[in-house]
Amino acid sequence: MSIQVSENILLICKEIRSRVYSKSQEFAGSISEYGFTCEEGKTDKVHADLEASFSWHYHPKDNLDFSLSDWIVFILSESQMT
């Protein structure tokens, strides 16, 4: 399966990466053609726009354990990709 993304989306992804890479906090947010959100917080305190094209989540130190609230956001999201 292939999802087409615009050059703008790719630039947004690079900007998000530069903001969160090697940080010790958890981050989450959303990406759309119009911009992005990048919220810093704890596992149950990070905002995500449920109607954006993409939603994303960052755990420090490559920790891939998602909390219950993370899963609820993923399931309720209307995003094309999470």
PDB file of N, CA and C in Angstrom:
ATOM      1  N   MET A   1       0.836  -1.168   0.000  1.00  0.00           N
ATOM      2  CA  MET A   1       0.000   0.000   0.000  1.00  0.00           C
ATOM      3  C   MET A   1       0.889   1.242   0.000  1.00  0.00           C
ATOM      4  N   SER A   2       0.512   2.223  -0.769  1.00  0.00           N
ATOM      5  CA  SER A   2       1.276   3.454  -0.878  1.00  0.00           C
ATOM      6  C   SER A   2       0.370   4.646  -0.611  1.00  0.00           C
ATOM      7  N   ILE A   3       0.834   5.549   0.222  1.00  0.00           N
ATOM      8  CA  ILE A   3       0.092   6.775   0.500  1.00  0.00           C
ATOM      9  C   ILE A   3       0.905   7.934  -0.047  1.00  0.00           C
ATOM     10  N   GLN A   4       0.297   8.718  -0.903  1.00  0.00           N
ATOM     11  CA  GLN A   4       0.962   9.870  -1.483  1.00  0.00           C
ATOM     12  C   GLN A   4       1.000  11.014  -0.469  1.00  0.00           C
ATOM     13  N   VAL A   5       2.174  11.605  -0.294  1.00  0.00           N
ATOM     14  CA  VAL A   5       2.299  12.769   0.577  1.00  0.00           C
ATOM     15  C   VAL A   5       2.942  13.896  -0.215  1.00  0.00           C
ATOM     16  N   SER A   6       2.558  15.088   0.104  1.00  0.00           N
ATOM     17  CA  SER A   6       3.081  16.252  -0.600  1.00  0.00           C
ATOM     18  C   SER A   6       4.457  16.634  -0.063  1.00  0.00           C
ATOM     19  N   GLU A   7       5.120  17.482  -0.808  1.00  0.00           N
ATOM     20  CA  GLU A   7       6.415  18.004  -0.370  1.00  0.00           C
ATOM     21  C   GLU A   7       6.243  18.770   0.943  1.00  0.00           C
ATOM     22  N   ASN A   8       5.128  19.473   1.101  1.00  0.00           N
ATOM     23  CA  ASN A   8       4.858  20.211   2.332  1.00  0.00           C
ATOM     24  C   ASN A   8       4.785  19.270   3.538  1.00  0.00           C
ATOM     25  N   ILE A   9       4.131  18.138   3.392  1.00  0.00           N
ATOM     26  CA  ILE A   9       4.042  17.155   4.489  1.00  0.00           C
ATOM     27  C   ILE A   9       5.436  16.651   4.850  1.00  0.00           C
ATOM     28  N   LEU A  10       6.268  16.387   3.851  1.00  0.00           N
ATOM     29  CA  LEU A  10       7.630  15.918   4.131  1.00  0.00           C
ATOM     30  C   LEU A  10       8.442  16.975   4.876  1.00  0.00           C
ATOM     31  N   LEU A  11       8.294  18.229   4.504  1.00  0.00           N
ATOM     32  CA  LEU A  11       8.992  19.308   5.206  1.00  0.00           C
ATOM     33  C   LEU A  11       8.500  19.425   6.648  1.00  0.00           C
ATOM     34  N   ILE A  12       7.215  19.259   6.847  1.00  0.00           N
ATOM     35  CA  ILE A  12       6.652  19.289   8.203  1.00  0.00           C
ATOM     36  C   ILE A  12       7.232  18.150   9.038  1.00  0.00           C
ATOM     37  N   CYS A  13       7.333  16.966   8.466  1.00  0.00           N
ATOM     38  CA  CYS A  13       7.898  15.823   9.196  1.00  0.00           C
ATOM     39  C   CYS A  13       9.342  16.103   9.620  1.00  0.00           C
ATOM     40  N   LYS A  14      10.114  16.721   8.745  1.00  0.00           N
ATOM     41  CA  LYS A  14      11.495  17.075   9.091  1.00  0.00           C
ATOM     42  C   LYS A  14      11.535  18.100  10.220  1.00  0.00           C
ATOM     43  N   GLU A  15      10.629  19.061  10.196  1.00  0.00           N
ATOM     44  CA  GLU A  15      10.568  20.067  11.254  1.00  0.00           C
ATOM     45  C   GLU A  15      10.201  19.420  12.590  1.00  0.00           C
ATOM     46  N   ILE A  16       9.234  18.524  12.586  1.00  0.00           N
ATOM     47  CA  ILE A  16       8.855  17.827  13.817  1.00  0.00           C
ATOM     48  C   ILE A  16      10.039  17.035  14.351  1.00  0.00           C
ATOM     49  N   ARG A  17      10.704  16.314  13.476  1.00  0.00           N
ATOM     50  CA  ARG A  17      11.861  15.521  13.905  1.00  0.00           C
ATOM     51  C   ARG A  17      12.913  16.405  14.573  1.00  0.00           C
ATOM     52  N   SER A  18      13.168  17.571  14.016  1.00  0.00           N
ATOM     53  CA  SER A  18      14.178  18.458  14.600  1.00  0.00           C
ATOM     54  C   SER A  18      13.762  18.959  15.984  1.00  0.00           C
ATOM     55  N   ARG A  19      12.466  19.051  16.233  1.00  0.00           N
ATOM     56  CA  ARG A  19      11.986  19.524  17.535  1.00  0.00           C
ATOM     57  C   ARG A  19      12.015  18.447  18.610  1.00  0.00           C
ATOM     58  N   VAL A  20      11.802  17.193  18.241  1.00  0.00           N
ATOM     59  CA  VAL A  20      11.658  16.145  19.256  1.00  0.00           C
ATOM     60  C   VAL A  20      12.862  15.218  19.364  1.00  0.00           C
ATOM     61  N   TYR A  21      13.700  15.166  18.362  1.00  0.00           N
ATOM     62  CA  TYR A  21      14.802  14.198  18.347  1.00  0.00           C
ATOM     63  C   TYR A  21      15.709  14.389  19.560  1.00  0.00           C
ATOM     64  N   SER A  22      15.980  13.311  20.228  1.00  0.00           N
ATOM     65  CA  SER A  22      16.868  13.267  21.399  1.00  0.00           C
ATOM     66  C   SER A  22      16.345  14.026  22.610  1.00  0.00           C
ATOM     67  N   LYS A  23      15.066  14.310  22.657  1.00  0.00           N
ATOM     68  CA  LYS A  23      14.483  14.947  23.840  1.00  0.00           C
ATOM     69  C   LYS A  23      14.057  13.867  24.822  1.00  0.00           C
ATOM     70  N   SER A  24      13.946  14.236  26.085  1.00  0.00           N
ATOM     71  CA  SER A  24      13.575  13.256  27.105  1.00  0.00           C
ATOM     72  C   SER A  24      12.081  13.260  27.414  1.00  0.00           C
ATOM     73  N   GLN A  25      11.312  14.136  26.782  1.00  0.00           N
ATOM     74  CA  GLN A  25       9.874  14.206  26.995  1.00  0.00           C
ATOM     75  C   GLN A  25       9.123  13.446  25.909  1.00  0.00           C
ATOM     76  N   GLU A  26       7.897  13.096  26.217  1.00  0.00           N
ATOM     77  CA  GLU A  26       7.000  12.501  25.235  1.00  0.00           C
ATOM     78  C   GLU A  26       6.335  13.633  24.453  1.00  0.00           C
ATOM     79  N   PHE A  27       6.127  13.412  23.151  1.00  0.00           N
ATOM     80  CA  PHE A  27       5.473  14.393  22.290  1.00  0.00           C
ATOM     81  C   PHE A  27       4.389  13.695  21.475  1.00  0.00           C
ATOM     82  N   ALA A  28       3.426  14.454  21.030  1.00  0.00           N
ATOM     83  CA  ALA A  28       2.411  13.950  20.118  1.00  0.00           C
ATOM     84  C   ALA A  28       1.848  15.132  19.350  1.00  0.00           C
ATOM     85  N   GLY A  29       1.140  14.813  18.284  1.00  0.00           N
ATOM     86  CA  GLY A  29       0.526  15.882  17.526  1.00  0.00           C
ATOM     87  C   GLY A  29      -0.131  15.371  16.268  1.00  0.00           C
ATOM     88  N   SER A  30      -0.331  16.298  15.347  1.00  0.00           N
ATOM     89  CA  SER A  30      -0.996  15.963  14.101  1.00  0.00           C
ATOM     90  C   SER A  30      -0.325  16.717  12.964  1.00  0.00           C
ATOM     91  N   ILE A  31      -0.576  16.238  11.757  1.00  0.00           N
ATOM     92  CA  ILE A  31      -0.013  16.848  10.559  1.00  0.00           C
ATOM     93  C   ILE A  31      -1.129  16.970   9.530  1.00  0.00           C
ATOM     94  N   SER A  32      -1.226  18.134   8.921  1.00  0.00           N
ATOM     95  CA  SER A  32      -2.151  18.336   7.808  1.00  0.00           C
ATOM     96  C   SER A  32      -1.444  19.202   6.771  1.00  0.00           C
ATOM     97  N   GLU A  33      -2.084  19.416   5.650  1.00  0.00           N
ATOM     98  CA  GLU A  33      -1.510  20.271   4.618  1.00  0.00           C
ATOM     99  C   GLU A  33      -1.322  21.704   5.120  1.00  0.00           C
ATOM    100  N   TYR A  34      -2.022  22.074   6.169  1.00  0.00           N
ATOM    101  CA  TYR A  34      -2.013  23.450   6.658  1.00  0.00           C
ATOM    102  C   TYR A  34      -1.006  23.682   7.771  1.00  0.00           C
ATOM    103  N   GLY A  35      -0.410  22.635   8.278  1.00  0.00           N
ATOM    104  CA  GLY A  35       0.555  22.786   9.346  1.00  0.00           C
ATOM    105  C   GLY A  35       0.553  21.578  10.262  1.00  0.00           C
ATOM    106  N   PHE A  36       1.045  21.778  11.466  1.00  0.00           N
ATOM    107  CA  PHE A  36       1.151  20.657  12.395  1.00  0.00           C
ATOM    108  C   PHE A  36       1.031  21.143  13.828  1.00  0.00           C
ATOM    109  N   THR A  37       0.762  20.188  14.702  1.00  0.00           N
ATOM    110  CA  THR A  37       0.836  20.444  16.133  1.00  0.00           C
ATOM    111  C   THR A  37       1.957  19.589  16.688  1.00  0.00           C
ATOM    112  N   CYS A  38       2.613  20.108  17.686  1.00  0.00           N
ATOM    113  CA  CYS A  38       3.729  19.405  18.334  1.00  0.00           C
ATOM    114  C   CYS A  38       3.643  19.748  19.804  1.00  0.00           C
ATOM    115  N   GLU A  39       2.981  18.888  20.551  1.00  0.00           N
ATOM    116  CA  GLU A  39       2.732  19.146  21.962  1.00  0.00           C
ATOM    117  C   GLU A  39       3.615  18.273  22.835  1.00  0.00           C
ATOM    118  N   GLU A  40       4.228  18.895  23.821  1.00  0.00           N
ATOM    119  CA  GLU A  40       5.071  18.191  24.772  1.00  0.00           C
ATOM    120  C   GLU A  40       4.256  17.893  26.019  1.00  0.00           C
ATOM    121  N   GLY A  41       4.461  16.715  26.593  1.00  0.00           N
ATOM    122  CA  GLY A  41       3.723  16.415  27.815  1.00  0.00           C
ATOM    123  C   GLY A  41       3.996  15.037  28.342  1.00  0.00           C
ATOM    124  N   LYS A  42       3.108  14.603  29.197  1.00  0.00           N
ATOM    125  CA  LYS A  42       3.171  13.263  29.767  1.00  0.00           C
ATOM    126  C   LYS A  42       2.255  12.359  28.963  1.00  0.00           C
ATOM    127  N   THR A  43       2.252  11.068  29.274  1.00  0.00           N
ATOM    128  CA  THR A  43       1.499  10.107  28.468  1.00  0.00           C
ATOM    129  C   THR A  43       0.015  10.406  28.379  1.00  0.00           C
ATOM    130  N   ASP A  44      -0.549  11.043  29.377  1.00  0.00           N
ATOM    131  CA  ASP A  44      -1.981  11.322  29.335  1.00  0.00           C
ATOM    132  C   ASP A  44      -2.284  12.810  29.153  1.00  0.00           C
ATOM    133  N   LYS A  45      -1.312  13.579  28.747  1.00  0.00           N
ATOM    134  CA  LYS A  45      -1.498  15.024  28.656  1.00  0.00           C
ATOM    135  C   LYS A  45      -1.088  15.600  27.302  1.00  0.00           C
ATOM    136  N   VAL A  46      -1.015  14.799  26.261  1.00  0.00           N
ATOM    137  CA  VAL A  46      -0.547  15.277  24.966  1.00  0.00           C
ATOM    138  C   VAL A  46      -1.711  15.374  23.998  1.00  0.00           C
ATOM    139  N   HIS A  47      -1.868  16.525  23.369  1.00  0.00           N
ATOM    140  CA  HIS A  47      -2.969  16.800  22.445  1.00  0.00           C
ATOM    141  C   HIS A  47      -2.727  16.178  21.073  1.00  0.00           C
ATOM    142  N   ALA A  48      -3.767  15.678  20.455  1.00  0.00           N
ATOM    143  CA  ALA A  48      -3.710  15.226  19.064  1.00  0.00           C
ATOM    144  C   ALA A  48      -5.023  15.600  18.392  1.00  0.00           C
ATOM    145  N   ASP A  49      -4.933  16.169  17.206  1.00  0.00           N
ATOM    146  CA  ASP A  49      -6.105  16.542  16.427  1.00  0.00           C
ATOM    147  C   ASP A  49      -6.640  15.289  15.744  1.00  0.00           C
ATOM    148  N   LEU A  50      -7.823  14.851  16.112  1.00  0.00           N
ATOM    149  CA  LEU A  50      -8.347  13.580  15.612  1.00  0.00           C
ATOM    150  C   LEU A  50      -8.806  13.635  14.158  1.00  0.00           C
ATOM    151  N   GLU A  51      -8.875  14.816  13.560  1.00  0.00           N
ATOM    152  CA  GLU A  51      -9.335  14.921  12.179  1.00  0.00           C
ATOM    153  C   GLU A  51      -8.209  15.262  11.196  1.00  0.00           C
ATOM    154  N   ALA A  52      -6.991  15.339  11.646  1.00  0.00           N
ATOM    155  CA  ALA A  52      -5.869  15.685  10.777  1.00  0.00           C
ATOM    156  C   ALA A  52      -5.547  14.533   9.835  1.00  0.00           C
ATOM    157  N   SER A  53      -4.778  14.831   8.803  1.00  0.00           N
ATOM    158  CA  SER A  53      -4.384  13.794   7.850  1.00  0.00           C
ATOM    159  C   SER A  53      -3.571  12.689   8.520  1.00  0.00           C
ATOM    160  N   PHE A  54      -2.676  13.099   9.398  1.00  0.00           N
ATOM    161  CA  PHE A  54      -1.809  12.155  10.103  1.00  0.00           C
ATOM    162  C   PHE A  54      -1.755  12.535  11.570  1.00  0.00           C
ATOM    163  N   SER A  55      -1.680  11.542  12.439  1.00  0.00           N
ATOM    164  CA  SER A  55      -1.384  11.802  13.837  1.00  0.00           C
ATOM    165  C   SER A  55      -0.077  11.091  14.143  1.00  0.00           C
ATOM    166  N   TRP A  56       0.648  11.600  15.106  1.00  0.00           N
ATOM    167  CA  TRP A  56       1.945  11.004  15.423  1.00  0.00           C
ATOM    168  C   TRP A  56       2.177  11.049  16.921  1.00  0.00           C
ATOM    169  N   HIS A  57       3.130  10.235  17.339  1.00  0.00           N
ATOM    170  CA  HIS A  57       3.435  10.106  18.760  1.00  0.00           C
ATOM    171  C   HIS A  57       4.917   9.787  18.893  1.00  0.00           C
ATOM    172  N   TYR A  58       5.579  10.420  19.819  1.00  0.00           N
ATOM    173  CA  TYR A  58       7.015  10.206  20.044  1.00  0.00           C
ATOM    174  C   TYR A  58       7.258   9.831  21.498  1.00  0.00           C
ATOM    175  N   HIS A  59       7.954   8.729  21.686  1.00  0.00           N
ATOM    176  CA  HIS A  59       8.396   8.335  23.012  1.00  0.00           C
ATOM    177  C   HIS A  59       9.911   8.463  23.066  1.00  0.00           C
ATOM    178  N   PRO A  60      10.450   9.031  24.133  1.00  0.00           N
ATOM    179  CA  PRO A  60      11.905   9.145  24.242  1.00  0.00           C
ATOM    180  C   PRO A  60      12.562   7.775  24.415  1.00  0.00           C
ATOM    181  N   LYS A  61      13.788   7.701  23.999  1.00  0.00           N
ATOM    182  CA  LYS A  61      14.601   6.491  24.174  1.00  0.00           C
ATOM    183  C   LYS A  61      13.993   5.290  23.479  1.00  0.00           C
ATOM    184  N   ASP A  62      13.303   5.497  22.367  1.00  0.00           N
ATOM    185  CA  ASP A  62      12.742   4.407  21.562  1.00  0.00           C
ATOM    186  C   ASP A  62      11.795   3.503  22.326  1.00  0.00           C
ATOM    187  N   ASN A  63      11.148   4.026  23.341  1.00  0.00           N
ATOM    188  CA  ASN A  63      10.180   3.257  24.119  1.00  0.00           C
ATOM    189  C   ASN A  63       8.877   3.165  23.316  1.00  0.00           C
ATOM    190  N   LEU A  64       8.493   1.965  22.914  1.00  0.00           N
ATOM    191  CA  LEU A  64       7.306   1.789  22.094  1.00  0.00           C
ATOM    192  C   LEU A  64       6.090   1.304  22.871  1.00  0.00           C
ATOM    193  N   ASP A  65       6.117   1.441  24.181  1.00  0.00           N
ATOM    194  CA  ASP A  65       4.976   1.051  24.999  1.00  0.00           C
ATOM    195  C   ASP A  65       3.943   2.159  24.985  1.00  0.00           C
ATOM    196  N   PHE A  66       2.782   1.912  24.356  1.00  0.00           N
ATOM    197  CA  PHE A  66       1.728   2.913  24.294  1.00  0.00           C
ATOM    198  C   PHE A  66       0.777   2.747  25.469  1.00  0.00           C
ATOM    199  N   SER A  67       0.373   3.872  26.032  1.00  0.00           N
ATOM    200  CA  SER A  67      -0.565   3.853  27.147  1.00  0.00           C
ATOM    201  C   SER A  67      -1.985   3.641  26.618  1.00  0.00           C
ATOM    202  N   LEU A  68      -2.907   3.419  27.532  1.00  0.00           N
ATOM    203  CA  LEU A  68      -4.307   3.277  27.154  1.00  0.00           C
ATOM    204  C   LEU A  68      -4.797   4.533  26.432  1.00  0.00           C
ATOM    205  N   SER A  69      -4.427   5.711  26.938  1.00  0.00           N
ATOM    206  CA  SER A  69      -4.861   6.952  26.287  1.00  0.00           C
ATOM    207  C   SER A  69      -4.262   7.085  24.886  1.00  0.00           C
ATOM    208  N   ASP A  70      -3.028   6.596  24.674  1.00  0.00           N
ATOM    209  CA  ASP A  70      -2.443   6.584  23.325  1.00  0.00           C
ATOM    210  C   ASP A  70      -3.318   5.758  22.388  1.00  0.00           C
ATOM    211  N   TRP A  71      -3.677   4.561  22.806  1.00  0.00           N
ATOM    212  CA  TRP A  71      -4.485   3.672  21.969  1.00  0.00           C
ATOM    213  C   TRP A  71      -5.865   4.250  21.680  1.00  0.00           C
ATOM    214  N   ILE A  72      -6.446   4.918  22.662  1.00  0.00           N
ATOM    215  CA  ILE A  72      -7.748   5.540  22.438  1.00  0.00           C
ATOM    216  C   ILE A  72      -7.652   6.595  21.336  1.00  0.00           C
ATOM    217  N   VAL A  73      -6.596   7.405  21.365  1.00  0.00           N
ATOM    218  CA  VAL A  73      -6.399   8.400  20.312  1.00  0.00           C
ATOM    219  C   VAL A  73      -6.237   7.716  18.964  1.00  0.00           C
ATOM    220  N   PHE A  74      -5.446   6.657  18.890  1.00  0.00           N
ATOM    221  CA  PHE A  74      -5.230   5.957  17.624  1.00  0.00           C
ATOM    222  C   PHE A  74      -6.541   5.401  17.069  1.00  0.00           C
ATOM    223  N   ILE A  75      -7.333   4.803  17.928  1.00  0.00           N
ATOM    224  CA  ILE A  75      -8.580   4.164  17.492  1.00  0.00           C
ATOM    225  C   ILE A  75      -9.630   5.202  17.081  1.00  0.00           C
ATOM    226  N   LEU A  76      -9.746   6.304  17.817  1.00  0.00           N
ATOM    227  CA  LEU A  76     -10.741   7.315  17.526  1.00  0.00           C
ATOM    228  C   LEU A  76     -10.333   8.250  16.384  1.00  0.00           C
ATOM    229  N   SER A  77      -9.088   8.256  16.059  1.00  0.00           N
ATOM    230  CA  SER A  77      -8.594   9.175  15.028  1.00  0.00           C
ATOM    231  C   SER A  77      -9.176   8.868  13.676  1.00  0.00           C
ATOM    232  N   GLU A  78      -9.485   9.915  12.927  1.00  0.00           N
ATOM    233  CA  GLU A  78      -9.921   9.766  11.544  1.00  0.00           C
ATOM    234  C   GLU A  78      -8.742   9.968  10.596  1.00  0.00           C
ATOM    235  N   SER A  79      -7.555   9.982  11.132  1.00  0.00           N
ATOM    236  CA  SER A  79      -6.351  10.184  10.343  1.00  0.00           C
ATOM    237  C   SER A  79      -6.153   9.060   9.338  1.00  0.00           C
ATOM    238  N   GLN A  80      -5.546   9.395   8.208  1.00  0.00           N
ATOM    239  CA  GLN A  80      -5.190   8.381   7.223  1.00  0.00           C
ATOM    240  C   GLN A  80      -4.136   7.448   7.794  1.00  0.00           C
ATOM    241  N   MET A  81      -3.256   8.005   8.616  1.00  0.00           N
ATOM    242  CA  MET A  81      -2.158   7.219   9.155  1.00  0.00           C
ATOM    243  C   MET A  81      -1.808   7.733  10.544  1.00  0.00           C
ATOM    244  N   THR A  82      -1.448   6.842  11.438  1.00  0.00           N
ATOM    245  CA  THR A  82      -1.002   7.203  12.772  1.00  0.00           C
ATOM    246  C   THR A  82       0.354   6.613  13.007  1.00  0.00           C
TER     247      THR A  82
END
